[in-house]
Amino acid sequence: MKNVLFTALPGSAGSGGLFALISGATPIGKFTMLILMIFSIISWAVIIFKLTEYSKAKKNSLKFVDYFRKSKNFSDINKFASLHRNNPLSEIFKSGYRELSLKLGSPNLPGGMNLESVHRSLIRGSNGEIVRLERLNGFLATTASVSPFIGLFGTVWGIMSSFQKISNMGQANLATVGPGIAEALIATALGLFAAIPAVIFYNLLLNKLKVMIAGMEDFILEFLNVSEHLK
C-alpha cells in the first residue's frame, strides 16, 4: 500500500519530496505557503532579537541599580547612566534627574523639590521604556492569531483543488486527489509551524516584560524614597 501511495503521488519523496509537492501546488496555494513562511521567518527573527534585548536590559538594569544604591551623588549616577544603553532604569533615572535639575539647578541639593512633579517625570520615563520594550511583540501576537487561519485557507483551497480535479477527470484516485491533499496538509503544517512558536515566545516575553515593569515600579519608589531623605 505504501508503494502504491508513493508511486501515485507526483512529487513524492522519490522525486523531490516536500519541495516537489510545493512546486506542484496551485498558484494560490504557493502564495499562501509563501505568506506563512514569511510570517515564520520574521517571527523567529523577532523572537531572537527580543530575547537578546530583554537579556541585555535585565543585565544592565541590575548593574545600574547596584550602582544607584552604592552612590549618593545624583550627578555621578547620571554620568554612569549615560554610559549604559538599553537600560530601562537608567532612562527612568535620567527623566527624574532632569526634573530635579530644572527645579533646583543642582540635583544634589533637593531641599525644595516638588516630589509630585518628579514622580510624574519618572512615570513618563517608565512609560517610554515600556513602549520601547513592547515594540515588535505585537507582530508575534498577530502571527499567533492569523497564521492558523491562513493555513486553514490553504487547507480548504487544496481540498477544493482535489474536488475540482475529480470533477474534471471523472474519477477519484490517489493520482487525482493526492497533490491537492498534499497541498492542504502542507498549508496546515506551515500555519501551525508559524503560530505555535509565536504563541509560546509571546507569552514568555510578556512574562519577562511584567517582571521588568515591576522592577521599574520598585525603582521609582526607591528613587522617591532617596529624594525624600535628601529633602
Protein backbone atom coordinates (compact mmCIF):
# COMPACT_ATOMS: atom_id res chain seq x y z
CA MET A 1 0.00 0.00 0.00
CA LYS A 2 2.88 2.35 0.85
CA ASN A 3 4.48 1.71 -2.54
CA VAL A 4 1.22 2.42 -4.31
CA LEU A 5 0.83 5.71 -2.44
CA PHE A 6 4.32 6.98 -3.28
CA THR A 7 4.16 5.97 -6.90
CA ALA A 8 0.74 7.53 -7.31
CA LEU A 9 1.68 10.85 -5.77
CA PRO A 10 3.58 13.09 -8.15
CA GLY A 11 6.39 14.98 -6.44
CA SER A 12 6.74 12.36 -3.70
CA ALA A 13 9.91 11.77 -1.70
CA GLY A 14 11.50 9.87 -4.52
CA SER A 15 11.14 12.80 -6.92
CA GLY A 16 11.98 15.75 -4.74
CA GLY A 17 9.90 15.31 -1.59
CA LEU A 18 8.44 18.36 0.08
CA PHE A 19 9.88 20.88 -2.38
CA ALA A 20 8.39 18.97 -5.28
CA LEU A 21 4.99 18.97 -3.60
CA ILE A 22 5.21 22.71 -3.00
CA SER A 23 6.33 23.39 -6.58
CA GLY A 24 3.38 21.34 -7.83
CA ALA A 25 0.84 23.32 -5.81
CA THR A 26 -1.63 25.75 -7.34
CA PRO A 27 -0.59 29.43 -7.61
CA ILE A 28 -2.88 30.42 -4.75
CA GLY A 29 -1.56 27.52 -2.70
CA LYS A 30 2.01 28.64 -3.33
CA PHE A 31 1.14 32.21 -2.39
CA THR A 32 -0.48 31.01 0.86
CA MET A 33 2.59 28.96 1.74
CA LEU A 34 4.87 31.89 0.92
CA ILE A 35 2.95 34.16 3.29
CA LEU A 36 3.17 31.58 6.06
CA MET A 37 6.90 31.09 5.54
CA ILE A 38 7.43 34.87 5.65
CA PHE A 39 5.47 35.07 8.90
CA SER A 40 7.54 32.23 10.35
CA ILE A 41 10.92 33.69 9.33
CA ILE A 42 10.09 37.18 10.62
CA SER A 43 8.67 35.72 13.85
CA TRP A 44 11.90 33.84 14.58
CA ALA A 45 13.92 36.97 13.84
CA VAL A 46 11.73 38.94 16.26
CA ILE A 47 11.99 36.21 18.90
CA ILE A 48 15.79 36.15 18.78
CA PHE A 49 16.02 39.94 18.79
CA LYS A 50 13.61 40.39 21.72
CA LEU A 51 15.19 37.65 23.83
CA THR A 52 18.58 39.29 23.31
CA GLU A 53 17.19 42.76 24.04
CA TYR A 54 15.44 41.65 27.24
CA SER A 55 18.52 39.77 28.44
CA LYS A 56 20.72 42.86 27.97
CA ALA A 57 18.11 45.13 29.55
CA LYS A 58 17.91 42.91 32.65
CA LYS A 59 21.69 42.64 32.97
CA ASN A 60 22.27 46.40 32.54
CA SER A 61 19.43 47.29 34.91
CA LEU A 62 20.90 45.11 37.66
CA LYS A 63 24.27 46.85 37.21
CA PHE A 64 22.65 50.27 37.33
CA VAL A 65 20.50 49.68 40.40
CA ASP A 66 23.54 48.30 42.22
CA TYR A 67 25.49 51.48 41.41
CA PHE A 68 22.50 53.63 42.35
CA ARG A 69 22.33 52.08 45.80
CA LYS A 70 26.05 52.50 46.39
CA SER A 71 26.36 56.10 45.20
CA LYS A 72 24.75 59.14 46.88
CA ASN A 73 25.71 61.65 44.20
CA PHE A 74 22.99 62.08 41.56
CA SER A 75 25.41 63.72 39.15
CA ASP A 76 27.75 60.71 39.23
CA ILE A 77 24.80 58.36 38.82
CA ASN A 78 23.63 60.34 35.80
CA LYS A 79 27.07 60.02 34.19
CA PHE A 80 27.01 56.28 34.85
CA ALA A 81 23.52 56.06 33.33
CA SER A 82 24.62 57.85 30.17
CA LEU A 83 27.30 55.21 29.56
CA HIS A 84 24.89 52.27 29.55
CA ARG A 85 22.39 51.86 26.70
CA ASN A 86 19.39 49.54 26.60
CA ASN A 87 18.84 50.11 30.30
CA PRO A 88 15.26 50.92 31.39
CA LEU A 89 16.23 52.00 34.90
CA SER A 90 18.91 54.43 33.74
CA GLU A 91 16.43 56.06 31.36
CA ILE A 92 13.91 56.43 34.18
CA PHE A 93 16.59 57.89 36.43
CA LYS A 94 17.59 60.42 33.78
CA SER A 95 13.97 61.54 33.50
CA GLY A 96 13.83 62.19 37.23
CA TYR A 97 17.27 63.78 37.23
CA ARG A 98 16.28 66.24 34.50
CA GLU A 99 13.25 67.27 36.55
CA LEU A 100 15.42 67.90 39.59
CA SER A 101 17.85 69.91 37.51
CA LEU A 102 15.08 72.08 36.10
CA LYS A 103 13.54 72.75 39.52
CA LEU A 104 16.66 73.37 41.54
CA GLY A 105 19.65 73.75 39.29
CA SER A 106 21.55 71.30 41.49
CA PRO A 107 20.10 67.81 41.98
CA ASN A 108 22.44 67.21 44.90
CA LEU A 109 20.64 69.91 46.93
CA PRO A 110 16.98 68.97 46.56
CA GLY A 111 15.67 70.90 49.52
CA GLY A 112 12.76 72.46 47.64
CA MET A 113 11.99 69.72 45.20
CA ASN A 114 8.45 69.00 44.15
CA LEU A 115 8.20 65.26 44.57
CA GLU A 116 4.90 65.13 42.73
CA SER A 117 6.43 66.59 39.58
CA VAL A 118 9.45 64.29 39.96
CA HIS A 119 7.10 61.34 40.28
CA ARG A 120 5.28 62.33 37.10
CA SER A 121 8.59 62.63 35.29
CA LEU A 122 9.64 59.19 36.46
CA ILE A 123 6.33 57.72 35.32
CA ARG A 124 6.74 59.29 31.89
CA GLY A 125 10.22 57.79 31.63
CA SER A 126 8.86 54.40 32.68
CA ASN A 127 6.03 54.54 30.14
CA GLY A 128 8.51 55.39 27.39
CA GLU A 129 10.64 52.38 28.27
CA ILE A 130 7.61 50.08 28.39
CA VAL A 131 6.58 51.22 24.91
CA ARG A 132 10.11 50.61 23.66
CA LEU A 133 10.28 47.15 25.21
CA GLU A 134 6.86 46.20 23.82
CA ARG A 135 7.99 47.07 20.29
CA LEU A 136 7.61 44.15 17.83
CA ASN A 137 5.82 41.96 20.39
CA GLY A 138 2.58 42.75 18.61
CA PHE A 139 3.87 41.02 15.48
CA LEU A 140 4.16 37.76 17.42
CA ALA A 141 0.60 38.15 18.68
CA THR A 142 -0.59 38.80 15.12
CA THR A 143 1.29 35.77 13.81
CA ALA A 144 -0.13 33.57 16.54
CA SER A 145 -3.71 34.60 15.79
CA VAL A 146 -3.61 34.93 11.99
CA SER A 147 -1.33 32.10 10.81
CA PRO A 148 -3.72 29.22 11.67
CA PHE A 149 -6.49 30.89 9.65
CA ILE A 150 -4.17 31.46 6.68
CA GLY A 151 -3.16 27.80 6.95
CA LEU A 152 -6.84 26.83 7.12
CA PHE A 153 -7.48 28.81 3.94
CA GLY A 154 -4.66 26.85 2.25
CA THR A 155 -6.19 23.62 3.54
CA VAL A 156 -9.61 24.44 2.13
CA TRP A 157 -8.12 25.56 -1.16
CA GLY A 158 -6.13 22.34 -1.52
CA ILE A 159 -9.21 20.20 -0.88
CA MET A 160 -11.21 22.29 -3.34
CA SER A 161 -8.49 21.72 -5.94
CA SER A 162 -8.77 17.97 -5.38
CA PHE A 163 -12.53 18.03 -5.87
CA GLN A 164 -12.09 20.16 -8.97
CA LYS A 165 -9.71 17.58 -10.47
CA ILE A 166 -12.13 14.78 -9.61
CA SER A 167 -14.89 16.72 -11.37
CA ASN A 168 -12.74 17.35 -14.45
CA MET A 169 -11.36 13.82 -14.75
CA GLY A 170 -14.49 12.00 -13.65
CA GLN A 171 -12.61 9.65 -11.35
CA ALA A 172 -11.11 9.63 -7.87
CA ASN A 173 -7.73 8.04 -7.24
CA LEU A 174 -4.50 8.96 -5.49
CA ALA A 175 -3.01 10.47 -8.60
CA THR A 176 -6.01 12.78 -8.89
CA VAL A 177 -6.55 13.88 -5.29
CA GLY A 178 -3.00 13.39 -3.97
CA PRO A 179 -1.47 16.74 -4.98
CA GLY A 180 -4.41 18.72 -3.63
CA ILE A 181 -4.46 16.82 -0.34
CA ALA A 182 -0.68 17.25 -0.02
CA GLU A 183 -1.05 20.99 -0.66
CA ALA A 184 -3.75 21.20 2.00
CA LEU A 185 -1.68 19.35 4.60
CA ILE A 186 1.45 21.41 3.90
CA ALA A 187 -0.53 24.64 4.33
CA THR A 188 -1.92 23.35 7.64
CA ALA A 189 1.54 22.37 8.86
CA LEU A 190 3.07 25.72 7.87
CA GLY A 191 0.27 27.59 9.66
CA LEU A 192 0.94 25.67 12.86
CA PHE A 193 4.71 25.97 12.43
CA ALA A 194 4.34 29.76 12.33
CA ALA A 195 1.70 30.07 15.06
CA ILE A 196 2.95 27.73 17.80
CA PRO A 197 6.39 29.33 18.40
CA ALA A 198 4.79 32.78 18.18
CA VAL A 199 2.31 31.88 20.96
CA ILE A 200 4.96 30.31 23.19
CA PHE A 201 7.50 33.10 22.91
CA TYR A 202 4.92 35.89 23.03
CA ASN A 203 3.77 34.63 26.42
CA LEU A 204 7.39 34.16 27.54
CA LEU A 205 8.30 37.71 26.51
CA LEU A 206 5.16 39.06 28.15
CA ASN A 207 6.13 37.45 31.45
CA LYS A 208 9.67 38.83 31.18
CA LEU A 209 8.26 42.28 30.47
CA LYS A 210 5.97 42.10 33.51
CA VAL A 211 8.99 41.34 35.69
CA MET A 212 10.87 44.33 34.24
CA ILE A 213 7.85 46.59 34.74
CA ALA A 214 7.69 45.51 38.39
CA GLY A 215 11.38 46.37 38.68
CA MET A 216 10.72 49.83 37.18
CA GLU A 217 7.94 50.49 39.66
CA ASP A 218 10.16 49.46 42.55
CA PHE A 219 12.95 51.70 41.28
CA ILE A 220 10.61 54.70 41.04
CA LEU A 221 9.62 54.21 44.69
CA GLU A 222 13.25 53.81 45.67
CA PHE A 223 14.19 57.00 43.78
CA LEU A 224 11.43 58.94 45.55
CA ASN A 225 12.42 57.48 48.90
CA VAL A 226 16.03 58.62 48.43
CA SER A 227 14.78 62.05 47.38
CA GLU A 228 12.63 62.35 50.50
CA HIS A 229 15.58 61.60 52.74
CA LEU A 230 17.61 64.26 50.95
CA LYS A 231 14.95 66.95 51.48
